[in-house]
Amino acid sequence: MYLRQHRLLGKWPRAPSPTLVGLLRPYSQSHRSLAFDLHEPQRPVFDQQTSPVLLLHGLFGSKKNNRSISKALARDLGRYVYTLDLRNHGDSQHAERHDYLAMAEDVSEFIHQHGLKDSTLIGHSMGAKVAMALALQSPKLVANLVAVDNAPVDAVLGRDFAGYVRAMKKIEEASVTRQSEADQILAEIEPTLPIRQFLLGNLHRPQGEKTQKFRIPLDILARSLDNMGDFPFKNPDEVRYEKPALFIRGTQSKYVPDEVLPLIGRFFPRFRLVSIDAGHWVISEQPEAFRQATVEFLTEPE
């Protein structure tokens, strides 16, 4: 298994917010370049531009979160797997605008710039809504879709996320020099160690500085939390994705309740549902069950 790391961080001019119609046009000036890792299969079935898999992380995540599952999928599928940093996350560019249409535009640009065709999109949480938005807006770019523990509905984001932002701001204000100090502050509001480790994965020490800072723009994300609960498409009579889609939900999570399944079916009429004994963090909690469900879906003939 091979891994290539890439940082595409060129500067792009800021453009006015475009309208919904035609938003994901090729080479829009409002997009942000996305950093990515490329995981290469040992026995590739296709070249790296044909039928690749694109993995999209959740809020406060990064491409680092998906390394292990990306290697497994590249191995099992014989396909190249791109793990992306969405805007305002990881090594990708920051932008004042942070909503699903803007992030979908970024991924659309990534697909066009790299000449990718017949792409599979896999997204968790925030990344799932990005993947759904792109599939609905530009279905020709997306061969199939795996949405993990999120649904195409407007929902109230859990209060935990606002608490995480406040705690991370408190960490920066404390001028911590060690991650253990940051963990003590975060533990005041989050008792679960794996979640604290996930959030603190954004902490780093900028070159030439003694104190640690967060890579993610906390003020921008704090202002955008309401956007993260929304979904940009409201009417499945106007737009739908007619290709295969897999929805994976955690049985201990609240994000894909039974009552939203009919709406999922209207937006994604060829969807199937897999429920896994997990909370919201399905991939990290049950990686093998997630891998099996995803590989089965992607290898079955249509």
C-alpha atoms as a PDB file:
ATOM      1  CA  MET A   1       0.000   0.000   0.000  1.00  0.00           C
ATOM      2  CA  TYR A   2       1.333   3.398  -0.927  1.00  0.00           C
ATOM      3  CA  LEU A   3       0.404   6.851   0.287  1.00  0.00           C
ATOM      4  CA  ARG A   4       0.997  10.143  -1.423  1.00  0.00           C
ATOM      5  CA  GLN A   5       0.515  13.381   0.470  1.00  0.00           C
ATOM      6  CA  HIS A   6      -0.505  16.526  -1.336  1.00  0.00           C
ATOM      7  CA  ARG A   7      -1.101  20.121  -0.416  1.00  0.00           C
ATOM      8  CA  LEU A   8      -2.825  22.219  -3.036  1.00  0.00           C
ATOM      9  CA  LEU A   9      -2.914  25.553  -1.318  1.00  0.00           C
ATOM     10  CA  GLY A  10      -2.857  28.118  -4.101  1.00  0.00           C
ATOM     11  CA  LYS A  11      -4.565  31.454  -3.524  1.00  0.00           C
ATOM     12  CA  TRP A  12      -7.892  31.962  -5.231  1.00  0.00           C
ATOM     13  CA  PRO A  13      -9.807  35.227  -5.492  1.00  0.00           C
ATOM     14  CA  ARG A  14     -12.955  35.536  -3.436  1.00  0.00           C
ATOM     15  CA  ALA A  15     -16.171  35.860  -5.428  1.00  0.00           C
ATOM     16  CA  PRO A  16     -19.672  36.886  -4.415  1.00  0.00           C
ATOM     17  CA  SER A  17     -21.867  34.058  -3.203  1.00  0.00           C
ATOM     18  CA  PRO A  18     -23.365  32.489  -6.336  1.00  0.00           C
ATOM     19  CA  THR A  19     -26.969  31.433  -6.595  1.00  0.00           C
ATOM     20  CA  LEU A  20     -28.023  27.841  -6.113  1.00  0.00           C
ATOM     21  CA  VAL A  21     -28.643  27.223  -9.796  1.00  0.00           C
ATOM     22  CA  GLY A  22     -25.380  26.501 -11.558  1.00  0.00           C
ATOM     23  CA  LEU A  23     -23.363  26.802  -8.377  1.00  0.00           C
ATOM     24  CA  LEU A  24     -21.166  23.773  -9.003  1.00  0.00           C
ATOM     25  CA  ARG A  25     -19.975  24.858 -12.420  1.00  0.00           C
ATOM     26  CA  PRO A  26     -16.415  23.894 -13.366  1.00  0.00           C
ATOM     27  CA  TYR A  27     -13.650  26.274 -12.350  1.00  0.00           C
ATOM     28  CA  SER A  28     -15.645  28.665 -10.191  1.00  0.00           C
ATOM     29  CA  GLN A  29     -13.496  31.362  -8.612  1.00  0.00           C
ATOM     30  CA  SER A  30     -15.177  31.043  -5.216  1.00  0.00           C
ATOM     31  CA  HIS A  31     -13.882  27.584  -4.404  1.00  0.00           C
ATOM     32  CA  ARG A  32     -11.034  26.652  -2.089  1.00  0.00           C
ATOM     33  CA  SER A  33      -8.309  24.175  -3.029  1.00  0.00           C
ATOM     34  CA  LEU A  34      -8.375  21.008  -0.961  1.00  0.00           C
ATOM     35  CA  ALA A  35      -5.418  19.201   0.563  1.00  0.00           C
ATOM     36  CA  PHE A  36      -5.557  15.447   0.159  1.00  0.00           C
ATOM     37  CA  ASP A  37      -3.827  12.116   0.598  1.00  0.00           C
ATOM     38  CA  LEU A  38      -3.885   9.495  -2.150  1.00  0.00           C
ATOM     39  CA  HIS A  39      -3.964   5.847  -1.080  1.00  0.00           C
ATOM     40  CA  GLU A  40      -2.851   3.513  -3.862  1.00  0.00           C
ATOM     41  CA  PRO A  41      -3.945  -0.127  -4.128  1.00  0.00           C
ATOM     42  CA  GLN A  42      -1.279  -2.772  -4.544  1.00  0.00           C
ATOM     43  CA  ARG A  43      -3.276  -4.337  -7.378  1.00  0.00           C
ATOM     44  CA  PRO A  44      -5.195  -1.522  -9.032  1.00  0.00           C
ATOM     45  CA  VAL A  45      -8.243  -2.365 -11.101  1.00  0.00           C
ATOM     46  CA  PHE A  46      -8.367   1.143 -12.600  1.00  0.00           C
ATOM     47  CA  ASP A  47      -5.982   4.056 -13.011  1.00  0.00           C
ATOM     48  CA  GLN A  48      -6.115   6.790 -10.396  1.00  0.00           C
ATOM     49  CA  GLN A  49      -8.546   8.912 -12.421  1.00  0.00           C
ATOM     50  CA  THR A  50     -11.130   6.188 -13.064  1.00  0.00           C
ATOM     51  CA  SER A  51     -13.661   5.120 -10.424  1.00  0.00           C
ATOM     52  CA  PRO A  52     -11.753   6.607  -7.491  1.00  0.00           C
ATOM     53  CA  VAL A  53     -13.157   6.778  -3.980  1.00  0.00           C
ATOM     54  CA  LEU A  54     -13.300  10.186  -2.269  1.00  0.00           C
ATOM     55  CA  LEU A  55     -13.609  10.192   1.532  1.00  0.00           C
ATOM     56  CA  LEU A  56     -15.018  13.289   3.229  1.00  0.00           C
ATOM     57  CA  HIS A  57     -14.615  13.772   6.981  1.00  0.00           C
ATOM     58  CA  GLY A  58     -16.969  15.314   9.520  1.00  0.00           C
ATOM     59  CA  LEU A  59     -16.944  18.587  11.441  1.00  0.00           C
ATOM     60  CA  PHE A  60     -13.612  19.214  13.248  1.00  0.00           C
ATOM     61  CA  GLY A  61     -12.126  16.214  11.391  1.00  0.00           C
ATOM     62  CA  SER A  62      -9.481  15.869   8.698  1.00  0.00           C
ATOM     63  CA  LYS A  63      -8.071  13.437   6.181  1.00  0.00           C
ATOM     64  CA  LYS A  64      -5.973  11.940   8.991  1.00  0.00           C
ATOM     65  CA  ASN A  65      -9.108  10.413  10.519  1.00  0.00           C
ATOM     66  CA  ASN A  66      -9.683   8.220   7.466  1.00  0.00           C
ATOM     67  CA  ARG A  67      -6.210   6.789   6.884  1.00  0.00           C
ATOM     68  CA  SER A  68      -6.858   3.266   8.159  1.00  0.00           C
ATOM     69  CA  ILE A  69     -10.202   2.767   6.444  1.00  0.00           C
ATOM     70  CA  SER A  70      -8.828   4.300   3.232  1.00  0.00           C
ATOM     71  CA  LYS A  71      -6.007   1.770   3.125  1.00  0.00           C
ATOM     72  CA  ALA A  72      -8.489  -1.049   3.702  1.00  0.00           C
ATOM     73  CA  LEU A  73     -10.821   0.164   0.955  1.00  0.00           C
ATOM     74  CA  ALA A  74      -7.962   0.632  -1.512  1.00  0.00           C
ATOM     75  CA  ARG A  75      -6.843  -2.924  -0.757  1.00  0.00           C
ATOM     76  CA  ASP A  76     -10.284  -4.514  -0.971  1.00  0.00           C
ATOM     77  CA  LEU A  77     -11.610  -2.571  -3.954  1.00  0.00           C
ATOM     78  CA  GLY A  78      -8.416  -2.246  -5.984  1.00  0.00           C
ATOM     79  CA  ARG A  79      -9.299   1.422  -6.430  1.00  0.00           C
ATOM     80  CA  TYR A  80      -7.442   4.632  -5.657  1.00  0.00           C
ATOM     81  CA  VAL A  81      -8.773   6.361  -2.563  1.00  0.00           C
ATOM     82  CA  TYR A  82      -8.506  10.114  -2.048  1.00  0.00           C
ATOM     83  CA  THR A  83      -8.993  11.420   1.483  1.00  0.00           C
ATOM     84  CA  LEU A  84      -9.750  15.141   1.429  1.00  0.00           C
ATOM     85  CA  ASP A  85      -9.487  17.980   3.908  1.00  0.00           C
ATOM     86  CA  LEU A  86     -12.637  20.045   3.444  1.00  0.00           C
ATOM     87  CA  ARG A  87     -12.393  23.842   3.624  1.00  0.00           C
ATOM     88  CA  ASN A  88     -11.535  25.254   7.060  1.00  0.00           C
ATOM     89  CA  HIS A  89     -10.193  21.855   8.131  1.00  0.00           C
ATOM     90  CA  GLY A  90      -6.813  20.137   8.156  1.00  0.00           C
ATOM     91  CA  ASP A  91      -4.360  21.557   5.630  1.00  0.00           C
ATOM     92  CA  SER A  92      -6.964  23.052   3.290  1.00  0.00           C
ATOM     93  CA  GLN A  93      -7.619  26.729   2.762  1.00  0.00           C
ATOM     94  CA  HIS A  94      -9.783  28.776   5.084  1.00  0.00           C
ATOM     95  CA  ALA A  95     -12.795  30.785   3.944  1.00  0.00           C
ATOM     96  CA  GLU A  96     -15.411  32.930   5.652  1.00  0.00           C
ATOM     97  CA  ARG A  97     -18.191  31.024   3.943  1.00  0.00           C
ATOM     98  CA  HIS A  98     -18.747  27.566   5.430  1.00  0.00           C
ATOM     99  CA  ASP A  99     -21.876  25.793   4.237  1.00  0.00           C
ATOM    100  CA  TYR A 100     -22.735  22.674   2.291  1.00  0.00           C
ATOM    101  CA  LEU A 101     -23.042  24.271  -1.124  1.00  0.00           C
ATOM    102  CA  ALA A 102     -19.637  25.920  -0.778  1.00  0.00           C
ATOM    103  CA  MET A 103     -18.025  22.663   0.333  1.00  0.00           C
ATOM    104  CA  ALA A 104     -19.744  20.734  -2.453  1.00  0.00           C
ATOM    105  CA  GLU A 105     -18.365  23.256  -4.926  1.00  0.00           C
ATOM    106  CA  ASP A 106     -14.859  22.645  -3.565  1.00  0.00           C
ATOM    107  CA  VAL A 107     -15.222  18.892  -4.108  1.00  0.00           C
ATOM    108  CA  SER A 108     -16.646  19.463  -7.581  1.00  0.00           C
ATOM    109  CA  GLU A 109     -13.599  21.577  -8.436  1.00  0.00           C
ATOM    110  CA  PHE A 110     -11.322  18.875  -7.051  1.00  0.00           C
ATOM    111  CA  ILE A 111     -12.943  16.289  -9.322  1.00  0.00           C
ATOM    112  CA  HIS A 112     -12.603  18.545 -12.372  1.00  0.00           C
ATOM    113  CA  GLN A 113      -9.021  19.583 -11.639  1.00  0.00           C
ATOM    114  CA  HIS A 114      -7.849  15.998 -11.239  1.00  0.00           C
ATOM    115  CA  GLY A 115      -9.781  14.670 -14.199  1.00  0.00           C
ATOM    116  CA  LEU A 116     -11.673  12.137 -12.101  1.00  0.00           C
ATOM    117  CA  LYS A 117     -14.572  10.196 -13.567  1.00  0.00           C
ATOM    118  CA  ASP A 118     -17.168   7.849 -12.076  1.00  0.00           C
ATOM    119  CA  SER A 119     -16.223   8.830  -8.538  1.00  0.00           C
ATOM    120  CA  THR A 120     -17.592   7.208  -5.402  1.00  0.00           C
ATOM    121  CA  LEU A 121     -18.254   9.672  -2.583  1.00  0.00           C
ATOM    122  CA  ILE A 122     -18.115   8.485   1.023  1.00  0.00           C
ATOM    123  CA  GLY A 123     -18.891  11.070   3.675  1.00  0.00           C
ATOM    124  CA  HIS A 124     -19.399  10.992   7.415  1.00  0.00           C
ATOM    125  CA  SER A 125     -21.594  13.516   9.238  1.00  0.00           C
ATOM    126  CA  MET A 126     -20.760  16.921   7.712  1.00  0.00           C
ATOM    127  CA  GLY A 127     -18.994  15.082   4.898  1.00  0.00           C
ATOM    128  CA  ALA A 128     -22.136  13.028   4.264  1.00  0.00           C
ATOM    129  CA  LYS A 129     -24.186  16.163   3.639  1.00  0.00           C
ATOM    130  CA  VAL A 130     -21.446  17.510   1.369  1.00  0.00           C
ATOM    131  CA  ALA A 131     -21.535  14.261  -0.614  1.00  0.00           C
ATOM    132  CA  MET A 132     -25.345  14.290  -0.808  1.00  0.00           C
ATOM    133  CA  ALA A 133     -25.407  17.925  -1.925  1.00  0.00           C
ATOM    134  CA  LEU A 134     -22.876  17.290  -4.690  1.00  0.00           C
ATOM    135  CA  ALA A 135     -24.675  14.142  -5.869  1.00  0.00           C
ATOM    136  CA  LEU A 136     -27.984  16.005  -6.094  1.00  0.00           C
ATOM    137  CA  GLN A 137     -26.505  19.091  -7.759  1.00  0.00           C
ATOM    138  CA  SER A 138     -24.100  17.347 -10.176  1.00  0.00           C
ATOM    139  CA  PRO A 139     -25.119  13.685 -10.507  1.00  0.00           C
ATOM    140  CA  LYS A 140     -22.909  13.142 -13.554  1.00  0.00           C
ATOM    141  CA  LEU A 141     -19.839  13.563 -11.334  1.00  0.00           C
ATOM    142  CA  VAL A 142     -20.883  10.882  -8.845  1.00  0.00           C
ATOM    143  CA  ALA A 143     -21.194   7.180  -9.710  1.00  0.00           C
ATOM    144  CA  ASN A 144     -22.512   6.192  -6.286  1.00  0.00           C
ATOM    145  CA  LEU A 145     -22.702   7.476  -2.754  1.00  0.00           C
ATOM    146  CA  VAL A 146     -22.151   6.289   0.820  1.00  0.00           C
ATOM    147  CA  ALA A 147     -23.626   8.629   3.447  1.00  0.00           C
ATOM    148  CA  VAL A 148     -22.611   7.805   7.020  1.00  0.00           C
ATOM    149  CA  ASP A 149     -24.891   8.867   9.872  1.00  0.00           C
ATOM    150  CA  ASN A 150     -26.525  11.891   8.351  1.00  0.00           C
ATOM    151  CA  ALA A 151     -29.650  12.580   6.323  1.00  0.00           C
ATOM    152  CA  PRO A 152     -30.814  15.167   3.756  1.00  0.00           C
ATOM    153  CA  VAL A 153     -32.864  17.118   6.288  1.00  0.00           C
ATOM    154  CA  ASP A 154     -32.659  20.289   8.327  1.00  0.00           C
ATOM    155  CA  ALA A 155     -31.821  19.339  11.895  1.00  0.00           C
ATOM    156  CA  VAL A 156     -30.711  21.024  15.074  1.00  0.00           C
ATOM    157  CA  LEU A 157     -27.019  20.402  15.622  1.00  0.00           C
ATOM    158  CA  GLY A 158     -26.218  18.913  19.002  1.00  0.00           C
ATOM    159  CA  ARG A 159     -25.201  21.392  21.699  1.00  0.00           C
ATOM    160  CA  ASP A 160     -21.983  19.426  22.123  1.00  0.00           C
ATOM    161  CA  PHE A 161     -20.508  21.062  19.031  1.00  0.00           C
ATOM    162  CA  ALA A 162     -20.896  24.612  20.341  1.00  0.00           C
ATOM    163  CA  GLY A 163     -19.392  23.438  23.617  1.00  0.00           C
ATOM    164  CA  TYR A 164     -16.409  22.005  21.788  1.00  0.00           C
ATOM    165  CA  VAL A 165     -15.751  25.332  20.068  1.00  0.00           C
ATOM    166  CA  ARG A 166     -15.925  27.205  23.379  1.00  0.00           C
ATOM    167  CA  ALA A 167     -13.540  24.717  24.982  1.00  0.00           C
ATOM    168  CA  MET A 168     -11.079  24.975  22.102  1.00  0.00           C
ATOM    169  CA  LYS A 169     -11.144  28.769  22.349  1.00  0.00           C
ATOM    170  CA  LYS A 170     -10.481  28.441  26.075  1.00  0.00           C
ATOM    171  CA  ILE A 171      -7.485  26.238  25.292  1.00  0.00           C
ATOM    172  CA  GLU A 172      -6.019  28.862  22.965  1.00  0.00           C
ATOM    173  CA  GLU A 173      -6.623  31.613  25.512  1.00  0.00           C
ATOM    174  CA  ALA A 174      -4.765  29.535  28.113  1.00  0.00           C
ATOM    175  CA  SER A 175      -1.627  29.501  25.905  1.00  0.00           C
ATOM    176  CA  VAL A 176      -1.019  25.813  26.529  1.00  0.00           C
ATOM    177  CA  THR A 177       2.353  24.348  25.653  1.00  0.00           C
ATOM    178  CA  ARG A 178       1.499  20.654  26.068  1.00  0.00           C
ATOM    179  CA  GLN A 179      -1.400  18.597  24.782  1.00  0.00           C
ATOM    180  CA  SER A 180      -1.975  17.236  28.278  1.00  0.00           C
ATOM    181  CA  GLU A 181      -2.859  20.770  29.412  1.00  0.00           C
ATOM    182  CA  ALA A 182      -5.345  21.093  26.578  1.00  0.00           C
ATOM    183  CA  ASP A 183      -6.850  17.725  27.436  1.00  0.00           C
ATOM    184  CA  GLN A 184      -7.487  18.839  31.016  1.00  0.00           C
ATOM    185  CA  ILE A 185      -9.479  21.835  29.781  1.00  0.00           C
ATOM    186  CA  LEU A 186     -11.440  19.778  27.267  1.00  0.00           C
ATOM    187  CA  ALA A 187     -12.190  17.113  29.886  1.00  0.00           C
ATOM    188  CA  GLU A 188     -14.255  19.703  31.763  1.00  0.00           C
ATOM    189  CA  ILE A 189     -16.990  19.326  29.126  1.00  0.00           C
ATOM    190  CA  GLU A 190     -16.192  16.037  27.335  1.00  0.00           C
ATOM    191  CA  PRO A 191     -15.595  12.890  29.417  1.00  0.00           C
ATOM    192  CA  THR A 192     -14.956  10.562  26.459  1.00  0.00           C
ATOM    193  CA  LEU A 193     -11.231  10.220  25.758  1.00  0.00           C
ATOM    194  CA  PRO A 194     -11.503   9.202  22.062  1.00  0.00           C
ATOM    195  CA  ILE A 195     -13.604  12.293  21.311  1.00  0.00           C
ATOM    196  CA  ARG A 196     -11.102  14.523  23.129  1.00  0.00           C
ATOM    197  CA  GLN A 197      -8.270  12.921  21.166  1.00  0.00           C
ATOM    198  CA  PHE A 198     -10.194  13.494  17.941  1.00  0.00           C
ATOM    199  CA  LEU A 199     -10.680  17.190  18.706  1.00  0.00           C
ATOM    200  CA  LEU A 200      -7.112  17.684  19.912  1.00  0.00           C
ATOM    201  CA  GLY A 201      -5.866  16.246  16.631  1.00  0.00           C
ATOM    202  CA  ASN A 202      -6.398  19.796  15.357  1.00  0.00           C
ATOM    203  CA  LEU A 203      -3.883  21.201  17.840  1.00  0.00           C
ATOM    204  CA  HIS A 204      -0.362  22.046  16.669  1.00  0.00           C
ATOM    205  CA  ARG A 205       2.558  24.304  17.506  1.00  0.00           C
ATOM    206  CA  PRO A 206       3.151  26.860  14.735  1.00  0.00           C
ATOM    207  CA  GLN A 207       6.756  27.227  13.684  1.00  0.00           C
ATOM    208  CA  GLY A 208       8.644  29.609  15.937  1.00  0.00           C
ATOM    209  CA  GLU A 209       5.973  29.693  18.660  1.00  0.00           C
ATOM    210  CA  LYS A 210       5.965  28.162  22.128  1.00  0.00           C
ATOM    211  CA  THR A 211       2.223  27.784  22.569  1.00  0.00           C
ATOM    212  CA  GLN A 212      -0.087  25.459  20.695  1.00  0.00           C
ATOM    213  CA  LYS A 213      -2.897  26.614  18.412  1.00  0.00           C
ATOM    214  CA  PHE A 214      -5.742  24.994  16.518  1.00  0.00           C
ATOM    215  CA  ARG A 215      -5.414  24.579  12.762  1.00  0.00           C
ATOM    216  CA  ILE A 216      -9.125  25.105  12.259  1.00  0.00           C
ATOM    217  CA  PRO A 217     -10.543  28.668  12.248  1.00  0.00           C
ATOM    218  CA  LEU A 218     -12.627  28.531  15.417  1.00  0.00           C
ATOM    219  CA  ASP A 219     -14.443  31.837  14.884  1.00  0.00           C
ATOM    220  CA  ILE A 220     -15.564  30.877  11.372  1.00  0.00           C
ATOM    221  CA  LEU A 221     -16.769  27.451  12.460  1.00  0.00           C
ATOM    222  CA  ALA A 222     -18.556  28.900  15.484  1.00  0.00           C
ATOM    223  CA  ARG A 223     -20.503  31.249  13.220  1.00  0.00           C
ATOM    224  CA  SER A 224     -21.299  28.380  10.849  1.00  0.00           C
ATOM    225  CA  LEU A 225     -22.701  25.822  13.286  1.00  0.00           C
ATOM    226  CA  ASP A 226     -26.296  26.595  12.325  1.00  0.00           C
ATOM    227  CA  ASN A 227     -25.398  25.945   8.681  1.00  0.00           C
ATOM    228  CA  MET A 228     -24.121  22.505   9.625  1.00  0.00           C
ATOM    229  CA  GLY A 229     -27.574  21.440  10.777  1.00  0.00           C
ATOM    230  CA  ASP A 230     -29.231  22.588   7.550  1.00  0.00           C
ATOM    231  CA  PHE A 231     -29.495  20.858   4.181  1.00  0.00           C
ATOM    232  CA  PRO A 232     -29.542  23.061   1.070  1.00  0.00           C
ATOM    233  CA  PHE A 233     -32.143  21.107  -0.905  1.00  0.00           C
ATOM    234  CA  LYS A 234     -35.714  21.140   0.380  1.00  0.00           C
ATOM    235  CA  ASN A 235     -37.896  19.676  -2.368  1.00  0.00           C
ATOM    236  CA  PRO A 236     -37.231  16.149  -3.691  1.00  0.00           C
ATOM    237  CA  ASP A 237     -39.723  16.815  -6.490  1.00  0.00           C
ATOM    238  CA  GLU A 238     -37.199  19.257  -7.961  1.00  0.00           C
ATOM    239  CA  VAL A 239     -33.957  17.321  -7.572  1.00  0.00           C
ATOM    240  CA  ARG A 240     -33.048  13.706  -6.947  1.00  0.00           C
ATOM    241  CA  TYR A 241     -30.126  11.336  -7.364  1.00  0.00           C
ATOM    242  CA  GLU A 242     -31.125   8.261  -9.378  1.00  0.00           C
ATOM    243  CA  LYS A 243     -27.948   6.212  -8.879  1.00  0.00           C
ATOM    244  CA  PRO A 244     -27.133   3.738  -6.071  1.00  0.00           C
ATOM    245  CA  ALA A 245     -26.754   5.214  -2.597  1.00  0.00           C
ATOM    246  CA  LEU A 246     -25.926   3.517   0.690  1.00  0.00           C
ATOM    247  CA  PHE A 247     -26.960   5.111   3.966  1.00  0.00           C
ATOM    248  CA  ILE A 248     -25.190   3.766   7.044  1.00  0.00           C
ATOM    249  CA  ARG A 249     -26.464   4.807  10.457  1.00  0.00           C
ATOM    250  CA  GLY A 250     -25.443   4.116  14.026  1.00  0.00           C
ATOM    251  CA  THR A 251     -28.241   2.511  16.016  1.00  0.00           C
ATOM    252  CA  GLN A 252     -27.223   4.548  19.075  1.00  0.00           C
ATOM    253  CA  SER A 253     -27.211   7.810  17.118  1.00  0.00           C
ATOM    254  CA  LYS A 254     -30.079  10.252  16.567  1.00  0.00           C
ATOM    255  CA  TYR A 255     -29.090  11.598  13.159  1.00  0.00           C
ATOM    256  CA  VAL A 256     -30.951   9.122  10.908  1.00  0.00           C
ATOM    257  CA  PRO A 257     -34.222   8.267  12.694  1.00  0.00           C
ATOM    258  CA  ASP A 258     -36.839   6.077  11.042  1.00  0.00           C
ATOM    259  CA  GLU A 259     -39.083   9.052  10.321  1.00  0.00           C
ATOM    260  CA  VAL A 260     -36.602  10.547   7.816  1.00  0.00           C
ATOM    261  CA  LEU A 261     -36.303   7.371   5.732  1.00  0.00           C
ATOM    262  CA  PRO A 262     -39.227   8.242   3.415  1.00  0.00           C
ATOM    263  CA  LEU A 263     -37.601  11.586   2.604  1.00  0.00           C
ATOM    264  CA  ILE A 264     -34.273   9.878   1.941  1.00  0.00           C
ATOM    265  CA  GLY A 265     -36.112   7.621  -0.494  1.00  0.00           C
ATOM    266  CA  ARG A 266     -37.552  10.603  -2.342  1.00  0.00           C
ATOM    267  CA  PHE A 267     -34.165  12.291  -2.775  1.00  0.00           C
ATOM    268  CA  PHE A 268     -32.324   8.994  -3.331  1.00  0.00           C
ATOM    269  CA  PRO A 269     -34.837   6.481  -4.763  1.00  0.00           C
ATOM    270  CA  ARG A 270     -32.205   3.726  -5.140  1.00  0.00           C
ATOM    271  CA  PHE A 271     -30.935   3.959  -1.575  1.00  0.00           C
ATOM    272  CA  ARG A 272     -30.414   1.093   0.802  1.00  0.00           C
ATOM    273  CA  LEU A 273     -29.993   1.314   4.563  1.00  0.00           C
ATOM    274  CA  VAL A 274     -27.517  -0.462   6.820  1.00  0.00           C
ATOM    275  CA  SER A 275     -27.750  -0.033  10.595  1.00  0.00           C
ATOM    276  CA  ILE A 276     -24.615  -0.683  12.667  1.00  0.00           C
ATOM    277  CA  ASP A 277     -24.412  -1.017  16.449  1.00  0.00           C
ATOM    278  CA  ALA A 278     -22.577   2.258  17.060  1.00  0.00           C
ATOM    279  CA  GLY A 279     -23.042   5.879  17.981  1.00  0.00           C
ATOM    280  CA  HIS A 280     -22.465   8.794  15.631  1.00  0.00           C
ATOM    281  CA  TRP A 281     -18.794   7.915  15.093  1.00  0.00           C
ATOM    282  CA  VAL A 282     -19.638   4.777  13.118  1.00  0.00           C
ATOM    283  CA  ILE A 283     -16.376   4.406  11.200  1.00  0.00           C
ATOM    284  CA  SER A 284     -14.097   4.694  14.237  1.00  0.00           C
ATOM    285  CA  GLU A 285     -16.365   2.679  16.554  1.00  0.00           C
ATOM    286  CA  GLN A 286     -17.099  -0.182  14.136  1.00  0.00           C
ATOM    287  CA  PRO A 287     -14.498  -0.023  11.344  1.00  0.00           C
ATOM    288  CA  GLU A 288     -14.866  -3.656  10.302  1.00  0.00           C
ATOM    289  CA  ALA A 289     -18.663  -3.525  10.074  1.00  0.00           C
ATOM    290  CA  PHE A 290     -18.396  -0.291   8.108  1.00  0.00           C
ATOM    291  CA  ARG A 291     -15.770  -1.783   5.784  1.00  0.00           C
ATOM    292  CA  GLN A 292     -17.849  -4.878   5.106  1.00  0.00           C
ATOM    293  CA  ALA A 293     -21.021  -2.922   4.365  1.00  0.00           C
ATOM    294  CA  THR A 294     -19.210  -0.484   2.087  1.00  0.00           C
ATOM    295  CA  VAL A 295     -17.243  -3.090   0.141  1.00  0.00           C
ATOM    296  CA  GLU A 296     -20.363  -5.221  -0.359  1.00  0.00           C
ATOM    297  CA  PHE A 297     -22.271  -2.219  -1.679  1.00  0.00           C
ATOM    298  CA  LEU A 298     -19.496  -1.102  -4.027  1.00  0.00           C
ATOM    299  CA  THR A 299     -18.761  -4.545  -5.462  1.00  0.00           C
ATOM    300  CA  GLU A 300     -22.320  -5.689  -6.146  1.00  0.00           C
ATOM    301  CA  PRO A 301     -23.375  -5.453  -9.803  1.00  0.00           C
ATOM    302  CA  GLU A 302     -26.022  -2.821 -10.430  1.00  0.00           C
END
